[in-house]
Protein backbone atom coordinates (compact mmCIF):
# COMPACT_ATOMS: atom_id res chain seq x y z
CA MET A 1 1.28 -47.81 -47.85
CA ILE A 2 1.73 -51.37 -46.60
CA PHE A 3 1.70 -54.16 -49.16
CA THR A 4 0.88 -57.72 -48.15
CA ALA A 5 3.58 -60.22 -49.07
CA GLY A 6 2.74 -63.27 -51.13
CA GLY A 7 0.63 -61.50 -53.70
CA SER A 8 1.82 -63.65 -56.59
CA ALA A 9 0.88 -66.91 -54.89
CA HIS A 10 -2.45 -65.45 -53.73
CA ILE A 11 -3.46 -64.27 -57.20
CA GLN A 12 -2.20 -67.43 -58.93
CA LYS A 13 -4.38 -69.51 -56.59
CA LEU A 14 -7.40 -67.35 -57.40
CA VAL A 15 -6.73 -67.95 -61.09
CA ASP A 16 -6.12 -71.70 -60.72
CA ASP A 17 -9.21 -72.17 -58.54
CA ALA A 18 -11.36 -70.30 -61.06
CA VAL A 19 -10.14 -72.59 -63.83
CA LEU A 20 -10.88 -75.71 -61.77
CA SER A 21 -14.39 -74.47 -60.96
CA GLY A 22 -15.08 -73.65 -64.58
CA GLU A 23 -15.81 -69.96 -63.84
CA ARG A 24 -12.65 -68.72 -65.59
CA THR A 25 -13.01 -65.31 -63.90
CA ALA A 26 -11.27 -64.07 -60.75
CA THR A 27 -11.28 -60.78 -58.87
CA VAL A 28 -8.29 -59.33 -57.02
CA THR A 29 -8.72 -56.76 -54.25
CA GLY A 30 -6.31 -55.21 -51.78
CA ASP A 31 -2.66 -54.09 -51.88
CA TRP A 32 -0.19 -56.86 -52.68
CA GLU A 33 3.54 -57.32 -53.16
CA ILE A 34 4.45 -59.25 -56.32
CA ASP A 35 7.59 -61.40 -56.40
CA THR A 36 6.99 -63.62 -59.44
CA ALA A 37 4.85 -63.42 -62.55
CA VAL A 38 1.23 -64.58 -62.44
CA ARG A 39 0.35 -66.79 -65.43
CA LEU A 40 -3.04 -66.24 -67.06
CA PRO A 41 -4.54 -69.08 -69.12
CA SER A 42 -6.71 -68.97 -72.22
CA HIS A 43 -10.35 -67.88 -72.00
CA PHE A 44 -9.78 -66.10 -68.70
CA THR A 45 -10.75 -62.71 -67.26
CA LEU A 46 -8.90 -61.21 -64.31
CA ILE A 47 -10.58 -58.24 -62.63
CA LEU A 48 -8.44 -55.84 -60.60
CA SER A 49 -10.91 -54.14 -58.28
CA ASP A 50 -9.60 -51.35 -56.06
CA CYS A 51 -6.22 -53.00 -55.78
CA HIS A 52 -2.57 -52.00 -55.96
CA LEU A 53 -0.01 -54.56 -57.11
CA ARG A 54 3.60 -53.51 -56.54
CA LEU A 55 6.75 -55.37 -57.56
CA LYS A 56 8.92 -56.43 -54.65
CA ASP A 57 12.18 -54.53 -54.31
CA GLY A 58 15.12 -56.24 -55.99
CA THR A 59 13.04 -58.64 -58.08
CA TYR A 60 13.38 -59.29 -61.80
CA THR A 61 9.93 -60.32 -62.89
CA ASN A 62 6.80 -59.33 -64.74
CA ILE A 63 3.49 -58.98 -62.92
CA PHE A 64 1.40 -60.81 -65.55
CA VAL A 65 2.29 -63.12 -68.45
CA ASN A 66 0.20 -65.54 -70.52
CA ALA A 67 0.28 -69.24 -69.71
CA HIS A 68 2.51 -70.38 -72.58
CA HIS A 69 4.91 -67.47 -72.32
CA GLU A 70 8.55 -68.61 -72.27
CA THR A 71 7.68 -72.27 -72.84
CA PRO A 72 8.67 -74.41 -75.85
CA GLU A 73 5.04 -74.52 -76.97
CA GLY A 74 4.90 -70.72 -76.85
CA ASN A 75 6.95 -70.46 -80.03
CA THR A 76 4.41 -72.47 -82.01
CA THR A 77 0.84 -71.88 -83.16
CA ALA A 78 -0.13 -74.97 -81.15
CA GLY A 79 0.91 -73.04 -78.04
CA THR A 80 -1.14 -69.91 -78.77
CA ASP A 81 -3.13 -68.61 -75.79
CA TYR A 82 -6.60 -67.23 -76.50
CA ASP A 83 -8.92 -64.57 -75.10
CA ILE A 84 -7.19 -63.19 -72.00
CA ALA A 85 -8.53 -60.05 -70.29
CA ILE A 86 -7.17 -57.90 -67.46
CA LEU A 87 -9.80 -55.36 -66.45
CA GLY A 88 -9.36 -52.59 -63.90
CA ARG A 89 -12.30 -51.48 -61.79
CA GLY A 90 -12.07 -48.47 -59.47
CA ARG A 91 -8.51 -48.00 -58.19
CA ALA A 92 -6.49 -50.53 -60.18
CA ILE A 93 -2.72 -49.94 -60.09
CA LEU A 94 0.23 -51.89 -61.44
CA ASP A 95 3.40 -50.50 -59.88
CA GLY A 96 7.03 -51.19 -60.74
CA GLY A 97 8.12 -49.88 -57.36
CA GLU A 98 11.81 -49.10 -56.90
CA PRO A 99 14.20 -49.49 -59.87
CA ASN A 100 16.13 -52.78 -59.79
CA GLY A 101 19.23 -51.61 -61.68
CA LEU A 102 18.39 -53.60 -64.82
CA HIS A 103 18.37 -51.35 -67.88
CA GLU A 104 19.56 -51.11 -71.48
CA LYS A 105 22.97 -49.69 -70.59
CA VAL A 106 23.93 -52.71 -68.48
CA PRO A 107 26.20 -55.01 -70.58
CA LEU A 108 24.59 -58.32 -71.49
CA ALA A 109 27.17 -60.33 -69.55
CA GLU A 110 26.39 -58.35 -66.38
CA ARG A 111 22.58 -58.53 -66.50
CA LYS A 112 20.96 -60.56 -63.74
CA ALA A 113 17.89 -61.21 -65.90
CA PRO A 114 16.66 -60.52 -69.44
CA LEU A 115 15.45 -56.96 -69.85
CA HIS A 116 11.92 -58.05 -70.77
CA LYS A 117 11.50 -59.22 -67.17
CA ASN A 118 11.00 -55.52 -66.37
CA ASN A 119 7.70 -55.29 -68.30
CA LEU A 120 4.68 -55.05 -66.00
CA ILE A 121 2.62 -57.06 -68.48
CA LEU A 122 4.26 -59.21 -71.16
CA PHE A 123 2.08 -61.21 -73.56
CA THR A 124 3.65 -63.37 -76.26
CA ASN A 125 1.68 -65.40 -78.81
CA VAL A 126 -1.83 -64.44 -77.68
CA ASN A 127 -4.86 -64.34 -79.99
CA GLY A 128 -7.56 -62.20 -78.42
CA PHE A 129 -6.59 -59.97 -75.50
CA ARG A 130 -8.01 -57.02 -73.62
CA VAL A 131 -6.38 -54.73 -71.07
CA GLU A 132 -8.33 -51.75 -69.80
CA GLY A 133 -8.99 -49.44 -66.87
CA ILE A 134 -5.51 -49.69 -65.31
CA HIS A 135 -3.07 -47.11 -63.98
CA CYS A 136 0.58 -48.10 -64.53
CA ARG A 137 3.22 -46.34 -62.49
CA ASN A 138 6.99 -46.51 -62.01
CA GLN A 139 7.51 -49.01 -64.82
CA ARG A 140 11.07 -50.32 -64.72
CA TRP A 141 11.20 -50.46 -68.53
CA TRP A 142 8.25 -50.67 -70.93
CA ALA A 143 5.03 -51.05 -68.96
CA LEU A 144 2.98 -53.20 -71.38
CA ASN A 145 4.73 -55.29 -74.04
CA PHE A 146 3.11 -57.46 -76.72
CA ILE A 147 4.97 -59.75 -79.13
CA TYR A 148 3.18 -61.87 -81.76
CA CYS A 149 -0.19 -60.91 -80.32
CA VAL A 150 -3.28 -60.37 -82.48
CA ASN A 151 -6.90 -59.26 -82.12
CA GLY A 152 -6.47 -57.05 -79.07
CA GLU A 153 -7.97 -54.06 -77.26
CA LEU A 154 -6.01 -51.68 -75.02
CA ARG A 155 -8.26 -48.99 -73.56
CA ASN A 156 -8.47 -46.43 -70.77
CA LEU A 157 -4.90 -46.81 -69.58
CA ASP A 158 -2.97 -44.17 -67.64
CA PHE A 159 0.78 -44.00 -67.05
CA CYS A 160 3.04 -42.23 -64.61
CA ALA A 161 6.68 -43.17 -65.11
CA ASN A 162 9.50 -42.51 -62.65
CA ASP A 163 10.68 -38.91 -63.22
CA ALA A 164 13.76 -39.09 -60.99
CA ALA A 165 17.27 -38.21 -62.10
CA VAL A 166 20.63 -38.31 -60.33
CA ASP A 167 22.97 -35.34 -60.63
CA GLU A 168 26.77 -35.36 -60.75
CA ASN A 169 26.90 -35.23 -56.95
CA GLY A 170 24.68 -38.26 -56.55
CA GLN A 171 21.67 -36.24 -55.48
CA ILE A 172 18.23 -37.32 -56.70
CA TYR A 173 15.93 -34.69 -58.17
CA HIS A 174 12.58 -34.90 -59.92
CA GLY A 175 11.64 -33.40 -63.26
CA LEU A 176 13.61 -34.61 -66.28
CA LYS A 177 15.84 -32.15 -68.11
CA ARG A 178 16.42 -32.49 -71.83
CA GLU A 179 20.07 -31.40 -71.69
CA LYS A 180 20.80 -33.84 -68.83
CA TYR A 181 19.43 -37.06 -70.27
CA LYS A 182 22.36 -39.10 -68.93
CA GLU A 183 21.12 -38.33 -65.41
CA VAL A 184 17.69 -39.95 -65.98
CA LEU A 185 17.34 -42.85 -63.53
CA VAL A 186 14.94 -45.15 -65.44
CA LYS A 187 15.59 -44.83 -69.16
CA ASN A 188 13.27 -45.92 -71.98
CA ALA A 189 10.22 -46.25 -69.74
CA ASP A 190 7.60 -46.62 -72.48
CA GLY A 191 3.90 -47.08 -71.92
CA ILE A 192 2.62 -49.54 -74.54
CA ASP A 193 4.84 -51.44 -76.98
CA LEU A 194 3.68 -53.55 -79.89
CA ARG A 195 6.53 -55.55 -81.37
CA GLN A 196 6.88 -58.09 -84.17
CA GLY A 197 3.80 -60.06 -85.18
CA CYS A 198 1.16 -57.75 -83.66
CA SER A 199 -1.94 -57.00 -85.75
CA HIS A 200 -5.62 -56.08 -85.62
CA ILE A 201 -5.36 -54.11 -82.38
CA VAL A 202 -7.21 -51.04 -81.08
CA ILE A 203 -5.42 -48.68 -78.67
CA GLU A 204 -7.50 -45.80 -77.33
CA ASN A 205 -7.94 -43.36 -74.46
CA ILE A 206 -4.33 -43.37 -73.28
CA THR A 207 -3.14 -40.70 -70.83
CA GLY A 208 -0.32 -39.72 -68.51
CA PHE A 209 3.47 -39.30 -68.51
CA THR A 210 6.07 -41.69 -69.93
CA GLU A 211 9.82 -41.23 -69.83
CA ASP A 212 10.22 -42.40 -73.43
CA ASP A 213 7.42 -43.27 -75.92
CA THR A 214 3.83 -43.50 -74.73
CA VAL A 215 2.67 -45.81 -77.55
CA ALA A 216 5.37 -47.46 -79.66
CA LEU A 217 4.92 -49.76 -82.65
CA THR A 218 8.43 -50.97 -83.29
CA ALA A 219 8.88 -53.72 -85.88
CA LEU A 220 12.53 -54.54 -85.34
CA ASN A 221 14.39 -57.84 -85.18
CA GLY A 222 16.11 -57.77 -81.83
CA ARG A 223 17.03 -60.51 -79.38
CA THR A 224 13.66 -60.47 -77.63
CA GLU A 225 11.72 -60.67 -80.89
CA GLN A 226 13.84 -63.58 -82.08
CA ALA A 227 13.40 -65.36 -78.75
CA PHE A 228 9.60 -65.13 -78.94
CA ARG A 229 9.15 -65.58 -82.68
CA VAL A 230 6.18 -67.81 -83.48
CA GLU A 231 6.68 -70.29 -86.29
CA GLY A 232 4.31 -69.68 -89.19
CA MET A 233 3.08 -66.25 -88.04
CA ASP A 234 3.52 -63.01 -89.98
CA SER A 235 6.22 -60.85 -88.41
CA ALA A 236 4.64 -57.53 -89.51
CA ILE A 237 2.90 -54.98 -87.32
CA SER A 238 -0.32 -54.15 -89.14
CA HIS A 239 -3.94 -53.05 -88.90
CA VAL A 240 -3.59 -51.03 -85.70
CA LYS A 241 -5.87 -48.13 -84.75
CA ILE A 242 -4.60 -45.61 -82.19
CA ARG A 243 -7.12 -43.07 -80.93
CA ASN A 244 -7.08 -40.34 -78.30
CA VAL A 245 -3.60 -40.34 -76.82
CA ARG A 246 -3.13 -37.38 -74.47
CA GLY A 247 -0.26 -36.60 -72.16
CA ALA A 248 3.46 -35.92 -71.92
CA SER A 249 6.41 -37.94 -73.13
CA PHE A 250 10.13 -37.30 -72.95
CA CYS A 251 10.37 -38.63 -76.52
CA SER A 252 7.20 -39.37 -78.53
CA LEU A 253 3.56 -39.80 -77.66
CA VAL A 254 3.21 -42.19 -80.61
CA ARG A 255 6.14 -43.79 -82.42
CA LEU A 256 6.16 -45.99 -85.52
CA LEU A 257 9.44 -47.65 -86.48
CA ASN A 258 10.54 -50.53 -88.68
CA GLN A 259 13.91 -51.21 -90.24
CA GLY A 260 15.21 -54.17 -92.17
CA GLU A 261 12.71 -56.60 -93.64
CA ILE A 262 9.98 -56.36 -90.99
CA LYS A 263 6.87 -54.64 -92.36
CA LEU A 264 4.70 -52.00 -90.70
CA HIS A 265 1.49 -51.10 -92.51
CA ASP A 266 -2.17 -50.12 -92.28
CA ILE A 267 -1.78 -47.95 -89.18
CA GLU A 268 -4.35 -45.28 -88.32
CA ILE A 269 -3.54 -42.62 -85.72
CA ASP A 270 -6.43 -40.29 -84.91
CA GLY A 271 -6.22 -37.88 -82.01
CA VAL A 272 -2.86 -37.20 -80.31
CA THR A 273 -2.61 -34.27 -77.89
CA ASP A 274 0.79 -33.32 -76.55
CA GLU A 275 0.69 -31.73 -73.08
CA CYS A 276 4.43 -31.76 -72.35
CA ARG A 277 4.67 -28.03 -71.62
CA GLN A 278 2.13 -28.42 -68.81
CA SER A 279 3.72 -31.47 -67.20
CA PRO A 280 5.67 -31.23 -63.92
CA HIS A 281 7.63 -34.34 -64.89
CA LEU A 282 9.84 -32.90 -67.66
CA ASP A 283 10.95 -29.65 -69.24
CA HIS A 284 9.61 -30.52 -72.72
CA GLY A 285 9.09 -33.39 -75.11
CA ILE A 286 10.28 -33.81 -78.69
CA TYR A 287 7.57 -35.38 -80.87
CA ALA A 288 3.84 -35.88 -80.72
CA VAL A 289 4.07 -38.46 -83.53
CA ARG A 290 7.22 -39.93 -85.03
CA VAL A 291 7.30 -42.21 -88.08
CA GLY A 292 10.67 -43.78 -88.90
CA ASP A 293 14.07 -42.79 -87.56
CA LYS A 294 17.34 -41.53 -89.03
CA HIS A 295 19.26 -43.69 -86.53
CA MET A 296 19.92 -47.32 -87.41
CA TYR A 297 18.23 -50.04 -85.36
CA GLY A 298 18.52 -52.71 -88.05
CA ASP A 299 20.56 -53.59 -91.11
CA ARG A 300 18.94 -50.84 -93.20
CA HIS A 301 16.08 -48.38 -93.37
CA SER A 302 12.70 -49.62 -94.52
CA THR A 303 11.30 -49.11 -98.01
CA LYS A 304 7.89 -47.86 -99.10
CA GLU A 305 6.96 -51.49 -99.75
CA GLU A 306 7.62 -52.20 -96.07
CA THR A 307 6.17 -49.07 -94.46
CA TYR A 308 2.86 -48.10 -96.02
CA ASN A 309 -0.77 -47.08 -95.53
CA ILE A 310 -0.07 -44.75 -92.62
CA THR A 311 -2.74 -42.22 -91.57
CA LEU A 312 -2.04 -39.34 -89.17
CA ARG A 313 -5.09 -37.28 -88.25
CA ASN A 314 -5.84 -34.64 -85.59
CA ILE A 315 -2.36 -34.29 -84.12
CA TYR A 316 -1.43 -31.45 -81.76
CA GLY A 317 2.19 -30.94 -80.71
CA GLU A 318 3.80 -28.62 -78.18
CA GLY A 319 7.24 -30.21 -77.91
CA GLU A 320 9.85 -29.60 -80.58
CA TYR A 321 7.79 -31.10 -83.44
CA ALA A 322 4.22 -32.24 -83.94
CA VAL A 323 5.20 -34.82 -86.56
CA ALA A 324 8.58 -36.21 -87.63
CA LEU A 325 9.09 -38.44 -90.68
CA ALA A 326 12.09 -40.49 -91.82
CA GLY A 327 12.73 -43.31 -94.25
CA GLU A 328 10.44 -44.25 -97.11
CA ILE A 329 6.68 -44.30 -96.48
CA GLY A 330 4.16 -45.53 -99.02
CA ASN A 331 0.69 -43.97 -99.08
CA LEU A 332 1.06 -41.55 -96.18
CA SER A 333 -1.96 -39.41 -95.28
CA MET A 334 -1.80 -36.41 -92.90
CA GLU A 335 -4.70 -34.22 -91.84
CA ASN A 336 -5.19 -31.48 -89.24
CA ILE A 337 -1.69 -31.20 -87.80
CA THR A 338 -1.49 -28.24 -85.40
CA CYS A 339 1.14 -26.82 -83.06
CA GLY A 340 1.55 -24.79 -79.94
CA GLU A 341 3.77 -21.72 -79.79
CA GLY A 342 7.39 -22.51 -80.59
CA THR A 343 6.64 -25.96 -81.99
CA GLU A 344 7.30 -26.90 -85.61
CA CYS A 345 4.53 -28.86 -87.28
CA LEU A 346 6.68 -31.12 -89.45
CA LEU A 347 10.22 -32.44 -89.49
CA ASP A 348 10.46 -34.19 -92.83
CA GLY A 349 13.62 -36.26 -93.20
CA ARG A 350 12.35 -38.66 -95.87
CA THR A 351 14.66 -37.28 -98.54
CA GLU A 352 17.80 -37.02 -96.41
């Protein structure tokens, strides 16, 4: 496939012209190479109609960000962007293309760009957002990342991560092997990530293959979260509904994690179907749903006053476990947890 150069400038002009005309809607068609992030302003709808947007080889950039992302105003409520939609129609593809060598194992001093530049879509400090009808492939890290974003809808999204690995002889092969994780080429290639400050969001009808977690709600306090913290906003992840997640993941289809003082609460997960045994991209997954973690990602594990009101309903697993629990969880509800042959329904590490 041939991609037309200059896609970023072309799409940005469509956006800017639509703002000047007062329409505040633009439609992108065709196959374009992206070399810098397109900025989407408040009260704007971008329609991707039968188009394929692929990151240029060797670049370190997102495809879409909100207008105030990575600006001084973006860390304040005065710089909040409002009501941004990216809607796929027909064949709508966001493609990370070839890996650029930037990943979590690269030492900070040697990184050519911050790791979050590898998100296909990165929204920070947005109130009112909608992303739907898009196929994401070959994400270089997490495909869709949201930090301090509220009142959102993520629907009808499909993922196909890079499934390549490199053996000890330098030969590339496809199909990830659990016992050879160090050979995986693109590590931690999540689908959707909600980070600090995300609330009142619906995520539904999510499909495909991700190298790590398909949907991850991770309320941690890392460098990226601190960089995009919004003054005066609640840091918790809360009031999120996740429905109908179906596919294969090398780690978890749905993951909930908070450690330290960041809260995670009022989360409803209804309908997770693990299809890892049927996937050509990996030998098998580990969890359908994972709440908490025995590993340390913060100063301490969370308490039941920090992780609470968690509902898990209609979960089917065929990896190693259907559900895994760790840390303290207040008011946990589980219903209709089922397993395929050889899969354990519950790994309960809350008392360990």
